[in-house]
Amino acid sequence: MLGVFARYGFGELIQHLRLGRFVPRWAKRRNRAPALTAAQRVRLICEELGPSFIKIGQILSTRPDLLPPDWIEELSRLQGRLPPIPFEDIERSLREAWGEEGWQRLLRFDREPLATASIAQVHRGMLPTGEEVAVKVRRPGIEEQVEVDLRILQRLAHLAGYYLPDIARHDPVRIAQEFSDSFRAELELSQEGRHLERFRENFRDRRDVTFPRVYWRYTSAEVLVTEFIHGPMALTRPERLDELGFDRHTLARTGARAFLKMIIQDGFFHADPHPSNVIFPRPDEVCLIDCGMVGRLRRDFREHLLDLLLALIHRDSDEAVAAFLEIGQPPADLNRDALLNDADRFIERYHGIPLEQLRLGEILTEFVRLVRDHNIVLPPDLALLAKALITVEGLGQVLDPEFDMVSEAEPYLVQLVRSRYRPERMAQWLWREVRSGEEEGRAVYRDFRSALRRMGQGTPIQLEMRHQARFEQELDRASNRIAFALVVAALIIGSAQLVQARAGPEVYGLPLFGLVGFGVATFFGLWLIVAIFRSWRM
């Protein structure tokens, strides 16, 4: 693998990683693509290293928070660039999964694949009961190969984090772990079947959006059998769709509304809705296939995402930055003023553009890249969402040049904003806050009780007092004011008693000592009131 990197001109990077001793001399002297860009060379490396690295490249192409636009565009070309699996290997895998009897009972199984990808291959077949199915078969031996490649990737990530400061700030070890988890999840084809079942449940009340049925009797980790969907794909020429009688205007809006429902209402969305994964079974129906890659959005994440989208639409940089800081993890040395200035300049670029001409996916992607420059760590699902939004918007505009994603999103956003302030939602929020406060109070009580128990057992307890000098100063000030207040109160009470008893010499018919006492009490009382107001502490 290091030899392949060296042949494509990355020998210096290998030296920085302290791995130069493992590269053959002949590989160091050759550069197979001297005139190509770094992104193009990385794409060629992924193709040469095989399925695992092709899949890693495809995953990277969905992460605009990590890579610049030219890298995203180049790695997106990795779709479907593997030779087909020999039919003998496919047959052997199906015999192992179903047994000899199950394989023999198939009424039909096409030798030519419908699609070939880095993880699996799809063939058309027919079950003994007569249903036409799409049979997705995992590449033989890929699981073992992937585990080896992922261990290499994680090792390289550790070395990059140690030797390359510019890469270390992005936490390559965490990113490599995210890739590994995503890759392993896609390897298990039965997991894709569960995704399909969840989508079918979420859209059970919709007749215009469908997902293939899963045949669980034939499905396993190595094989996925689903209903075969007839109809043209979304990559079909618009003129051909018109000839077939399909309503492109309706299809564009149906697909967009389905995707918006996934992200805003369900929090579970198809992360790879490119045209070859979208089929039109009927002139007004959209079917999504290949649901191995999905994104998940928690309710609080969706709330912050709503704040972000509204802030971007309303061109409010302060709210946009605040929402992003709620979504991501800012570094300890974040320069918030610089981030706000960059956000202002970014939003100013869209000033004066009508809402119907805004492209939500592009705006969100560009803002993700802006935030990336400030080393804010973002959830990978946000990058998946930005890439998927761009794909859906692009597909909608191909089907209908007048398609407007903002107009389609507006009813969902308004509905979500209104749902925030429904009485039951407010009551739920209040109850959660009460429960949270109760839990925190219990935690404080448990800690206090534990401390008392340790003191009773003779265990020393260390207390750290921060700003102790200031605390002592404030305590002295408070004590002095209390003492002054007590003196003033005593003077008032004593003077009142002297006046009532008419003791001592009199002035204008009033006891002198009583008048002096009232005067001193008034002076000290006014002084105390002025001091309190000057410190703004009542």
Protein backbone atom coordinates (compact mmCIF):
# COMPACT_ATOMS: atom_id res chain seq x y z
CA MET A 1 0.00 0.00 0.00
CA LEU A 2 2.82 2.42 0.85
CA GLY A 3 4.37 1.57 -2.49
CA VAL A 4 1.18 2.67 -4.25
CA PHE A 5 1.19 5.97 -2.36
CA ALA A 6 4.84 6.52 -3.24
CA ARG A 7 4.25 5.78 -6.95
CA TYR A 8 1.57 8.48 -7.02
CA GLY A 9 3.87 11.14 -5.60
CA PHE A 10 3.17 10.96 -1.85
CA GLY A 11 6.69 9.88 -0.86
CA GLU A 12 7.23 13.03 1.20
CA LEU A 13 4.09 12.34 3.21
CA ILE A 14 5.33 8.80 3.89
CA GLN A 15 8.65 10.21 5.14
CA HIS A 16 6.79 12.59 7.50
CA LEU A 17 4.95 9.57 8.93
CA ARG A 18 8.31 7.84 9.55
CA LEU A 19 7.36 4.97 7.23
CA GLY A 20 9.91 5.50 4.48
CA ARG A 21 11.88 2.37 5.37
CA PHE A 22 8.90 0.21 4.33
CA VAL A 23 8.73 1.59 0.76
CA PRO A 24 10.64 -0.25 -2.00
CA ARG A 25 13.29 1.82 -3.77
CA TRP A 26 11.70 1.30 -7.18
CA ALA A 27 8.43 2.78 -5.92
CA LYS A 28 10.18 5.92 -4.66
CA ARG A 29 11.64 6.62 -8.11
CA ARG A 30 8.34 6.40 -9.99
CA ASN A 31 5.54 8.93 -10.20
CA ARG A 32 2.67 7.55 -12.22
CA ALA A 33 0.69 10.79 -12.36
CA PRO A 34 3.00 13.83 -12.13
CA ALA A 35 0.60 16.19 -13.94
CA LEU A 36 -2.50 15.34 -11.86
CA THR A 37 -3.81 17.18 -8.82
CA ALA A 38 -3.51 15.68 -5.35
CA ALA A 39 -7.25 14.89 -5.32
CA GLN A 40 -7.02 13.06 -8.65
CA ARG A 41 -4.04 11.04 -7.44
CA VAL A 42 -5.88 10.05 -4.26
CA ARG A 43 -8.85 8.89 -6.34
CA LEU A 44 -6.55 6.72 -8.47
CA ILE A 45 -4.94 5.32 -5.32
CA CYS A 46 -8.35 4.33 -3.94
CA GLU A 47 -9.24 2.59 -7.22
CA GLU A 48 -5.96 0.69 -7.27
CA LEU A 49 -6.11 -0.39 -3.61
CA GLY A 50 -9.53 -1.96 -4.06
CA PRO A 51 -12.99 -2.14 -2.44
CA SER A 52 -12.10 -0.95 1.08
CA PHE A 53 -10.35 2.20 -0.04
CA ILE A 54 -12.96 2.90 -2.71
CA LYS A 55 -15.59 2.84 0.03
CA ILE A 56 -13.46 5.06 2.26
CA GLY A 57 -13.13 7.51 -0.65
CA GLN A 58 -16.89 7.43 -1.17
CA ILE A 59 -17.47 8.16 2.51
CA LEU A 60 -14.96 11.02 2.33
CA SER A 61 -16.88 12.44 -0.63
CA THR A 62 -19.83 12.99 1.73
CA ARG A 63 -17.76 15.04 4.22
CA PRO A 64 -17.52 18.68 3.11
CA ASP A 65 -16.59 19.47 6.70
CA LEU A 66 -13.26 17.68 6.14
CA LEU A 67 -12.33 18.27 2.49
CA PRO A 68 -12.44 21.23 0.07
CA PRO A 69 -14.87 21.24 -2.89
CA ASP A 70 -12.40 19.97 -5.52
CA TRP A 71 -11.62 16.90 -3.41
CA ILE A 72 -15.33 16.23 -2.82
CA GLU A 73 -16.03 16.44 -6.54
CA GLU A 74 -13.13 14.17 -7.47
CA LEU A 75 -13.85 11.48 -4.87
CA SER A 76 -17.53 11.48 -5.88
CA ARG A 77 -16.39 9.93 -9.16
CA LEU A 78 -15.55 6.70 -7.33
CA GLN A 79 -19.15 5.49 -7.65
CA GLY A 80 -19.34 2.06 -9.30
CA ARG A 81 -15.77 1.66 -10.57
CA LEU A 82 -15.13 -2.01 -9.73
CA PRO A 83 -15.17 -5.00 -12.08
CA PRO A 84 -18.12 -7.39 -11.56
CA ILE A 85 -17.79 -10.35 -9.23
CA PRO A 86 -17.48 -13.64 -11.18
CA PHE A 87 -20.80 -15.46 -11.31
CA GLU A 88 -19.22 -18.58 -9.80
CA ASP A 89 -18.37 -16.64 -6.64
CA ILE A 90 -21.91 -15.23 -6.47
CA GLU A 91 -23.40 -18.72 -6.84
CA ARG A 92 -21.10 -20.11 -4.16
CA SER A 93 -22.10 -17.34 -1.71
CA LEU A 94 -25.81 -17.98 -2.31
CA ARG A 95 -25.43 -21.73 -1.86
CA GLU A 96 -23.69 -21.11 1.46
CA ALA A 97 -26.37 -18.64 2.58
CA TRP A 98 -29.48 -20.57 1.45
CA GLY A 99 -28.27 -24.14 1.20
CA GLU A 100 -28.38 -26.30 -1.88
CA GLU A 101 -32.14 -26.74 -1.70
CA GLY A 102 -32.83 -22.98 -1.43
CA TRP A 103 -30.60 -22.21 -4.40
CA GLN A 104 -32.20 -24.90 -6.56
CA ARG A 105 -35.72 -23.63 -5.80
CA LEU A 106 -35.10 -20.24 -7.45
CA LEU A 107 -37.17 -19.97 -10.59
CA ARG A 108 -34.70 -17.55 -12.19
CA PHE A 109 -31.41 -15.83 -11.41
CA ASP A 110 -29.77 -13.58 -13.98
CA ARG A 111 -26.06 -14.10 -14.48
CA GLU A 112 -25.47 -10.49 -15.52
CA PRO A 113 -25.48 -8.06 -12.56
CA LEU A 114 -27.77 -5.04 -12.41
CA ALA A 115 -25.20 -3.04 -10.42
CA THR A 116 -21.70 -3.52 -9.02
CA ALA A 117 -20.40 -1.61 -6.00
CA SER A 118 -17.49 -1.72 -3.60
CA ILE A 119 -19.28 -3.89 -1.04
CA ALA A 120 -21.83 -5.93 -2.96
CA GLN A 121 -23.33 -6.80 -6.33
CA VAL A 122 -27.02 -6.85 -7.32
CA HIS A 123 -28.69 -9.47 -9.53
CA ARG A 124 -32.27 -9.91 -10.66
CA GLY A 125 -34.08 -13.11 -9.75
CA MET A 126 -37.41 -14.78 -9.07
CA LEU A 127 -38.45 -16.59 -5.89
CA PRO A 128 -40.26 -19.95 -5.87
CA THR A 129 -43.48 -18.06 -5.10
CA GLY A 130 -43.14 -16.05 -8.32
CA GLU A 131 -42.08 -12.64 -6.92
CA GLU A 132 -39.41 -10.77 -8.84
CA VAL A 133 -36.61 -9.76 -6.49
CA ALA A 134 -33.33 -7.86 -6.39
CA VAL A 135 -30.64 -10.04 -4.78
CA LYS A 136 -27.74 -8.09 -3.26
CA VAL A 137 -24.73 -10.33 -2.54
CA ARG A 138 -21.72 -9.24 -0.52
CA ARG A 139 -18.30 -9.63 -2.13
CA PRO A 140 -16.71 -12.91 -0.98
CA GLY A 141 -13.92 -12.40 1.55
CA ILE A 142 -14.50 -8.65 1.82
CA GLU A 143 -15.12 -8.71 5.59
CA GLU A 144 -11.62 -10.02 6.36
CA GLN A 145 -10.06 -7.66 3.84
CA VAL A 146 -11.93 -4.68 5.28
CA GLU A 147 -10.81 -5.44 8.83
CA VAL A 148 -7.17 -5.48 7.72
CA ASP A 149 -7.58 -2.24 5.77
CA LEU A 150 -9.37 -0.52 8.66
CA ARG A 151 -6.59 -1.45 11.06
CA ILE A 152 -4.11 0.07 8.62
CA LEU A 153 -6.27 3.20 8.35
CA GLN A 154 -6.44 3.58 12.12
CA ARG A 155 -2.68 3.12 12.42
CA LEU A 156 -2.09 5.80 9.79
CA ALA A 157 -4.52 8.08 11.65
CA HIS A 158 -2.50 7.65 14.87
CA LEU A 159 0.73 8.48 13.04
CA ALA A 160 -0.84 11.51 11.33
CA GLY A 161 -2.12 12.80 14.66
CA TYR A 162 1.37 12.45 16.14
CA TYR A 163 3.59 13.71 13.29
CA LEU A 164 1.40 16.08 11.24
CA PRO A 165 0.19 19.11 13.28
CA ASP A 166 -2.03 20.48 10.49
CA ILE A 167 -3.94 17.19 10.37
CA ALA A 168 -3.82 16.57 14.12
CA ARG A 169 -6.13 19.55 14.79
CA HIS A 170 -8.94 17.64 12.97
CA ASP A 171 -8.55 14.64 15.32
CA PRO A 172 -7.76 12.00 12.65
CA VAL A 173 -8.15 9.13 15.13
CA ARG A 174 -11.77 10.10 15.78
CA ILE A 175 -12.46 10.48 12.05
CA ALA A 176 -10.91 7.09 11.30
CA GLN A 177 -13.12 5.53 13.98
CA GLU A 178 -16.20 7.16 12.42
CA PHE A 179 -15.26 5.74 9.03
CA SER A 180 -14.69 2.30 10.53
CA ASP A 181 -18.06 2.26 12.28
CA SER A 182 -19.86 3.43 9.12
CA PHE A 183 -18.06 0.88 6.96
CA ARG A 184 -18.76 -2.05 9.28
CA ALA A 185 -22.44 -1.10 9.48
CA GLU A 186 -22.74 -1.16 5.67
CA LEU A 187 -21.00 -4.54 5.48
CA GLU A 188 -23.94 -6.19 7.24
CA LEU A 189 -26.60 -6.28 4.53
CA SER A 190 -29.33 -7.24 6.98
CA GLN A 191 -28.78 -3.82 8.55
CA GLU A 192 -29.80 -2.23 5.25
CA GLY A 193 -32.93 -4.40 5.39
CA ARG A 194 -33.76 -2.94 8.81
CA HIS A 195 -33.28 0.56 7.39
CA LEU A 196 -35.77 -0.26 4.63
CA GLU A 197 -38.29 -1.54 7.16
CA ARG A 198 -37.97 1.64 9.20
CA PHE A 199 -38.48 3.81 6.12
CA ARG A 200 -41.51 1.77 5.13
CA GLU A 201 -42.97 2.28 8.61
CA ASN A 202 -42.28 6.03 8.54
CA PHE A 203 -44.03 6.35 5.16
CA ARG A 204 -46.82 3.81 5.69
CA ASP A 205 -49.47 6.55 5.24
CA ARG A 206 -47.96 7.83 1.99
CA ARG A 207 -48.89 6.29 -1.36
CA ASP A 208 -46.59 8.53 -3.42
CA VAL A 209 -43.36 7.50 -1.61
CA THR A 210 -42.40 3.83 -1.33
CA PHE A 211 -39.49 1.59 -0.38
CA PRO A 212 -38.84 -2.01 -1.49
CA ARG A 213 -40.21 -4.82 0.64
CA VAL A 214 -37.60 -7.03 2.35
CA TYR A 215 -37.87 -10.83 2.11
CA TRP A 216 -36.42 -11.76 5.49
CA ARG A 217 -36.59 -15.50 4.84
CA TYR A 218 -33.78 -15.11 2.29
CA THR A 219 -31.91 -12.21 3.93
CA SER A 220 -28.77 -12.49 6.07
CA ALA A 221 -25.59 -10.53 6.78
CA GLU A 222 -24.20 -11.63 3.39
CA VAL A 223 -27.36 -11.49 1.25
CA LEU A 224 -30.21 -8.97 1.00
CA VAL A 225 -33.32 -9.89 -0.98
CA THR A 226 -35.84 -7.14 -1.70
CA GLU A 227 -38.78 -6.53 -3.98
CA PHE A 228 -37.73 -5.68 -7.54
CA ILE A 229 -39.00 -2.22 -8.48
CA HIS A 230 -39.97 -1.61 -12.10
CA GLY A 231 -39.75 1.85 -13.63
CA PRO A 232 -37.28 4.40 -14.99
CA MET A 233 -34.54 5.75 -12.73
CA ALA A 234 -34.14 9.43 -11.93
CA LEU A 235 -31.08 9.56 -14.19
CA THR A 236 -33.38 8.97 -17.20
CA ARG A 237 -33.40 11.89 -19.63
CA PRO A 238 -36.24 14.36 -18.88
CA GLU A 239 -37.43 14.10 -22.50
CA ARG A 240 -37.77 10.34 -22.13
CA LEU A 241 -39.79 10.77 -18.92
CA ASP A 242 -42.11 13.12 -20.80
CA GLU A 243 -42.55 10.52 -23.54
CA LEU A 244 -43.46 7.90 -20.92
CA GLY A 245 -46.10 10.20 -19.44
CA PHE A 246 -44.35 11.01 -16.13
CA ASP A 247 -45.17 14.28 -14.36
CA ARG A 248 -41.69 15.68 -13.65
CA HIS A 249 -43.10 18.66 -11.73
CA THR A 250 -44.93 16.36 -9.31
CA LEU A 251 -42.04 13.91 -9.02
CA ALA A 252 -39.56 16.67 -8.09
CA ARG A 253 -41.80 17.97 -5.31
CA THR A 254 -42.74 14.51 -4.06
CA GLY A 255 -39.08 13.54 -3.71
CA ALA A 256 -38.16 16.81 -2.00
CA ARG A 257 -41.06 16.60 0.46
CA ALA A 258 -40.18 12.99 1.27
CA PHE A 259 -36.61 14.00 2.08
CA LEU A 260 -37.73 16.99 4.15
CA LYS A 261 -40.06 14.73 6.12
CA MET A 262 -37.14 12.41 6.82
CA ILE A 263 -34.90 15.11 8.25
CA ILE A 264 -37.45 17.37 9.97
CA GLN A 265 -40.11 14.98 11.26
CA ASP A 266 -38.48 11.53 11.41
CA GLY A 267 -34.84 12.36 12.15
CA PHE A 268 -33.85 9.40 9.94
CA PHE A 269 -32.88 10.09 6.34
CA HIS A 270 -31.49 8.44 3.22
CA ALA A 271 -27.89 9.72 3.05
CA ASP A 272 -27.19 8.75 -0.57
CA PRO A 273 -30.19 9.85 -2.70
CA HIS A 274 -28.29 10.10 -6.00
CA PRO A 275 -30.28 9.53 -9.23
CA SER A 276 -29.43 5.81 -9.58
CA ASN A 277 -31.03 5.19 -6.17
CA VAL A 278 -34.34 6.85 -7.12
CA ILE A 279 -36.92 4.98 -9.24
CA PHE A 280 -40.31 6.13 -10.53
CA PRO A 281 -42.69 3.12 -10.44
CA ARG A 282 -45.64 5.29 -11.55
CA PRO A 283 -45.98 8.79 -13.03
CA ASP A 284 -46.65 10.25 -9.56
CA GLU A 285 -44.67 7.85 -7.31
CA VAL A 286 -41.08 7.94 -6.03
CA CYS A 287 -39.26 4.85 -4.72
CA LEU A 288 -35.89 5.02 -2.91
CA ILE A 289 -33.52 2.03 -2.96
CA ASP A 290 -30.01 1.24 -1.65
CA CYS A 291 -30.51 2.40 1.94
CA GLY A 292 -27.20 1.19 3.34
CA MET A 293 -26.02 4.69 4.21
CA VAL A 294 -28.41 6.64 6.43
CA GLY A 295 -28.22 9.65 8.73
CA ARG A 296 -29.80 10.14 12.14
CA LEU A 297 -30.79 13.42 13.76
CA ARG A 298 -31.77 13.60 17.43
CA ARG A 299 -34.66 15.86 18.41
CA ASP A 300 -32.39 18.46 20.03
CA PHE A 301 -30.11 18.34 16.97
CA ARG A 302 -33.11 19.01 14.73
CA GLU A 303 -34.11 21.96 16.93
CA HIS A 304 -30.65 23.49 16.63
CA LEU A 305 -30.60 22.73 12.91
CA LEU A 306 -33.91 24.55 12.53
CA ASP A 307 -32.41 27.56 14.31
CA LEU A 308 -29.45 27.41 11.93
CA LEU A 309 -31.55 27.20 8.78
CA LEU A 310 -33.84 30.03 9.92
CA ALA A 311 -30.82 32.16 10.81
CA LEU A 312 -29.25 31.54 7.39
CA ILE A 313 -32.52 32.31 5.59
CA HIS A 314 -33.01 35.48 7.68
CA ARG A 315 -29.30 36.36 7.33
CA ASP A 316 -28.71 36.58 11.10
CA SER A 317 -25.03 35.73 11.67
CA ASP A 318 -25.22 35.87 15.48
CA GLU A 319 -28.02 33.30 15.60
CA ALA A 320 -26.31 31.15 12.96
CA VAL A 321 -23.06 31.01 14.92
CA ALA A 322 -24.92 30.36 18.18
CA ALA A 323 -26.80 27.46 16.58
CA PHE A 324 -23.61 25.98 15.14
CA LEU A 325 -21.86 26.20 18.52
CA GLU A 326 -24.79 24.26 20.01
CA ILE A 327 -24.47 21.61 17.28
CA GLY A 328 -20.66 21.30 17.22
CA GLN A 329 -17.83 21.19 19.71
CA PRO A 330 -15.80 24.42 19.61
CA PRO A 331 -12.10 24.35 20.53
CA ALA A 332 -10.95 25.85 23.79
CA ASP A 333 -9.18 28.69 21.94
CA LEU A 334 -12.09 29.58 19.65
CA ASN A 335 -11.97 33.20 18.46
CA ARG A 336 -15.68 33.97 18.49
CA ASP A 337 -15.24 37.49 17.12
CA ALA A 338 -13.33 36.16 14.09
CA LEU A 339 -16.01 33.52 13.56
CA LEU A 340 -18.75 36.16 13.70
CA ASN A 341 -16.88 38.35 11.21
CA ASP A 342 -16.49 35.42 8.80
CA ALA A 343 -20.16 34.53 9.23
CA ASP A 344 -21.16 38.14 8.51
CA ARG A 345 -19.13 38.17 5.30
CA PHE A 346 -20.55 34.79 4.30
CA ILE A 347 -24.18 35.82 4.84
CA GLU A 348 -23.59 39.17 3.14
CA ARG A 349 -22.85 37.27 -0.08
CA TYR A 350 -26.51 36.21 -0.16
CA HIS A 351 -27.92 39.66 0.61
CA GLY A 352 -30.61 40.69 -1.84
CA ILE A 353 -31.05 37.23 -3.36
CA PRO A 354 -34.75 36.19 -3.34
CA LEU A 355 -35.57 33.28 -1.08
CA GLU A 356 -36.75 31.15 -3.99
CA GLN A 357 -33.27 31.40 -5.54
CA LEU A 358 -31.41 30.26 -2.42
CA ARG A 359 -29.95 26.75 -2.42
CA LEU A 360 -30.20 25.34 1.09
CA GLY A 361 -27.74 22.52 0.46
CA GLU A 362 -25.05 24.78 -0.97
CA ILE A 363 -25.52 27.38 1.78
CA LEU A 364 -25.33 24.74 4.50
CA THR A 365 -22.28 23.11 2.92
CA GLU A 366 -20.44 26.42 2.58
CA PHE A 367 -21.23 27.33 6.17
CA VAL A 368 -19.97 23.91 7.30
CA ARG A 369 -16.68 24.61 5.53
CA LEU A 370 -16.48 28.06 7.13
CA VAL A 371 -16.94 26.55 10.57
CA ARG A 372 -14.38 23.83 9.75
CA ASP A 373 -11.77 26.58 9.24
CA HIS A 374 -12.27 27.53 12.90
CA ASN A 375 -11.61 23.93 14.07
CA ILE A 376 -15.16 23.33 15.30
CA VAL A 377 -15.87 19.59 15.38
CA LEU A 378 -19.22 18.82 13.76
CA PRO A 379 -21.32 15.64 13.89
CA PRO A 380 -20.77 13.49 10.76
CA ASP A 381 -24.53 13.32 10.19
CA LEU A 382 -24.54 17.08 9.52
CA ALA A 383 -22.07 16.64 6.67
CA LEU A 384 -24.17 13.75 5.32
CA LEU A 385 -27.23 15.98 5.46
CA ALA A 386 -25.52 18.84 3.60
CA LYS A 387 -24.35 16.52 0.82
CA ALA A 388 -27.76 14.83 0.56
CA LEU A 389 -29.52 18.22 0.40
CA ILE A 390 -27.32 19.24 -2.53
CA THR A 391 -28.11 15.96 -4.31
CA VAL A 392 -31.87 16.31 -3.78
CA GLU A 393 -31.86 19.95 -4.92
CA GLY A 394 -29.85 19.08 -8.02
CA LEU A 395 -32.14 16.19 -8.89
CA GLY A 396 -35.22 18.37 -8.39
CA GLN A 397 -33.86 21.03 -10.76
CA VAL A 398 -33.06 18.42 -13.42
CA LEU A 399 -36.63 17.14 -13.26
CA ASP A 400 -38.15 20.63 -13.07
CA PRO A 401 -36.04 23.74 -13.81
CA GLU A 402 -38.46 25.83 -11.71
CA PHE A 403 -38.01 23.62 -8.64
CA ASP A 404 -37.45 25.63 -5.44
CA MET A 405 -36.27 23.76 -2.34
CA VAL A 406 -36.86 26.70 0.03
CA SER A 407 -40.53 26.88 -0.94
CA GLU A 408 -40.90 23.14 -0.35
CA ALA A 409 -39.15 23.39 3.02
CA GLU A 410 -41.11 26.41 4.27
CA PRO A 411 -44.30 24.53 5.35
CA TYR A 412 -42.22 21.97 7.27
CA LEU A 413 -40.16 24.68 8.97
CA VAL A 414 -43.30 26.65 9.90
CA GLN A 415 -44.91 23.49 11.25
CA LEU A 416 -41.81 22.72 13.31
CA VAL A 417 -41.67 26.26 14.71
CA ARG A 418 -45.35 26.10 15.68
CA SER A 419 -44.92 22.71 17.30
CA ARG A 420 -42.28 24.20 19.59
CA TYR A 421 -44.87 26.37 21.32
CA ARG A 422 -47.80 23.99 21.55
CA PRO A 423 -49.04 23.75 25.15
CA GLU A 424 -48.23 20.04 25.39
CA ARG A 425 -44.66 20.64 24.09
CA MET A 426 -44.17 23.48 26.57
CA ALA A 427 -45.52 21.27 29.36
CA GLN A 428 -43.14 18.47 28.33
CA TRP A 429 -40.23 20.90 28.31
CA LEU A 430 -41.17 22.25 31.74
CA TRP A 431 -41.53 18.72 33.12
CA ARG A 432 -38.10 17.75 31.71
CA GLU A 433 -36.55 20.80 33.33
CA VAL A 434 -38.19 19.95 36.67
CA ARG A 435 -37.00 16.34 36.43
CA SER A 436 -33.52 17.53 35.50
CA GLY A 437 -33.45 19.89 38.47
CA GLU A 438 -34.69 17.09 40.72
CA GLU A 439 -31.92 14.78 39.51
CA GLU A 440 -29.29 17.47 40.01
CA GLY A 441 -30.61 18.16 43.52
CA ARG A 442 -30.43 14.48 44.36
CA ALA A 443 -26.88 14.31 43.03
CA VAL A 444 -25.85 17.27 45.23
CA TYR A 445 -27.53 15.65 48.25
CA ARG A 446 -25.75 12.33 47.57
CA ASP A 447 -22.39 14.07 47.28
CA PHE A 448 -23.01 16.04 50.50
CA ARG A 449 -24.09 12.89 52.37
CA SER A 450 -21.03 11.03 51.08
CA ALA A 451 -18.79 13.85 52.28
CA LEU A 452 -20.36 13.78 55.74
CA ARG A 453 -19.94 10.00 55.91
CA ARG A 454 -16.25 10.30 55.00
CA MET A 455 -15.77 13.00 57.62
CA GLY A 456 -17.41 10.77 60.20
CA GLN A 457 -14.99 7.98 59.30
CA GLY A 458 -12.03 10.29 59.77
CA THR A 459 -11.20 10.58 56.08
CA PRO A 460 -9.77 14.00 55.27
CA ILE A 461 -11.66 16.01 52.63
CA GLN A 462 -9.91 18.58 50.48
CA LEU A 463 -11.87 21.68 49.50
CA GLU A 464 -10.67 24.04 46.81
CA MET A 465 -11.66 27.67 47.35
CA ARG A 466 -11.26 29.74 44.19
CA HIS A 467 -10.97 33.56 44.52
CA GLN A 468 -10.62 33.15 48.28
CA ALA A 469 -9.23 36.68 48.83
CA ARG A 470 -12.15 38.25 47.03
CA PHE A 471 -14.57 36.07 48.97
CA GLU A 472 -13.04 37.21 52.28
CA GLN A 473 -13.21 40.84 51.16
CA GLU A 474 -16.89 40.53 50.26
CA LEU A 475 -17.58 38.74 53.54
CA ASP A 476 -15.90 41.56 55.52
CA ARG A 477 -17.91 44.16 53.61
CA ALA A 478 -21.17 42.34 54.28
CA SER A 479 -20.30 41.97 57.98
CA ASN A 480 -19.52 45.69 58.29
CA ARG A 481 -22.83 46.64 56.68
CA ILE A 482 -24.73 44.34 59.01
CA ALA A 483 -22.91 45.88 61.99
CA PHE A 484 -23.71 49.40 60.76
CA ALA A 485 -27.34 48.46 60.31
CA LEU A 486 -27.49 47.11 63.86
CA VAL A 487 -25.91 50.31 65.25
CA VAL A 488 -28.35 52.48 63.30
CA ALA A 489 -31.27 50.39 64.54
CA ALA A 490 -29.99 50.65 68.15
CA LEU A 491 -29.58 54.42 67.86
CA ILE A 492 -33.11 54.82 66.53
CA ILE A 493 -34.62 52.66 69.27
CA GLY A 494 -32.55 54.34 72.05
CA SER A 495 -33.31 57.85 70.80
CA ALA A 496 -37.00 57.05 70.61
CA GLN A 497 -36.95 55.91 74.26
CA LEU A 498 -35.09 59.09 75.35
CA VAL A 499 -37.64 61.27 73.58
CA GLN A 500 -40.53 59.38 75.16
CA ALA A 501 -38.99 59.62 78.66
CA ARG A 502 -38.12 63.34 78.10
CA ALA A 503 -34.74 62.70 79.79
CA GLY A 504 -31.97 65.35 79.90
CA PRO A 505 -31.93 68.93 78.68
CA GLU A 506 -34.45 70.03 76.10
CA VAL A 507 -34.22 72.10 72.92
CA TYR A 508 -37.45 73.58 71.59
CA GLY A 509 -39.29 71.26 73.96
CA LEU A 510 -37.52 68.05 72.74
CA PRO A 511 -34.82 66.05 74.63
CA LEU A 512 -31.35 67.03 73.31
CA PHE A 513 -29.83 63.52 73.62
CA GLY A 514 -32.76 62.04 71.68
CA LEU A 515 -32.34 64.57 68.86
CA VAL A 516 -28.58 63.89 68.66
CA GLY A 517 -29.25 60.14 68.52
CA PHE A 518 -31.77 60.57 65.67
CA GLY A 519 -29.28 62.79 63.79
CA VAL A 520 -26.44 60.26 64.08
CA ALA A 521 -28.79 57.39 63.07
CA THR A 522 -29.97 59.38 60.04
CA PHE A 523 -26.38 60.11 58.94
CA PHE A 524 -25.24 56.50 59.23
CA GLY A 525 -28.48 55.20 57.63
CA LEU A 526 -28.11 57.46 54.58
CA TRP A 527 -24.42 56.53 54.27
CA LEU A 528 -25.32 52.81 54.29
CA ILE A 529 -28.06 53.27 51.65
CA VAL A 530 -25.70 55.23 49.35
CA ALA A 531 -22.99 52.55 49.72
CA ILE A 532 -25.41 49.80 48.80
CA PHE A 533 -26.71 51.64 45.74
CA ARG A 534 -23.19 52.50 44.57
CA SER A 535 -22.25 48.81 44.59
CA TRP A 536 -25.55 47.86 42.81
CA ARG A 537 -26.22 45.19 45.39
CA MET A 538 -29.52 45.37 47.22
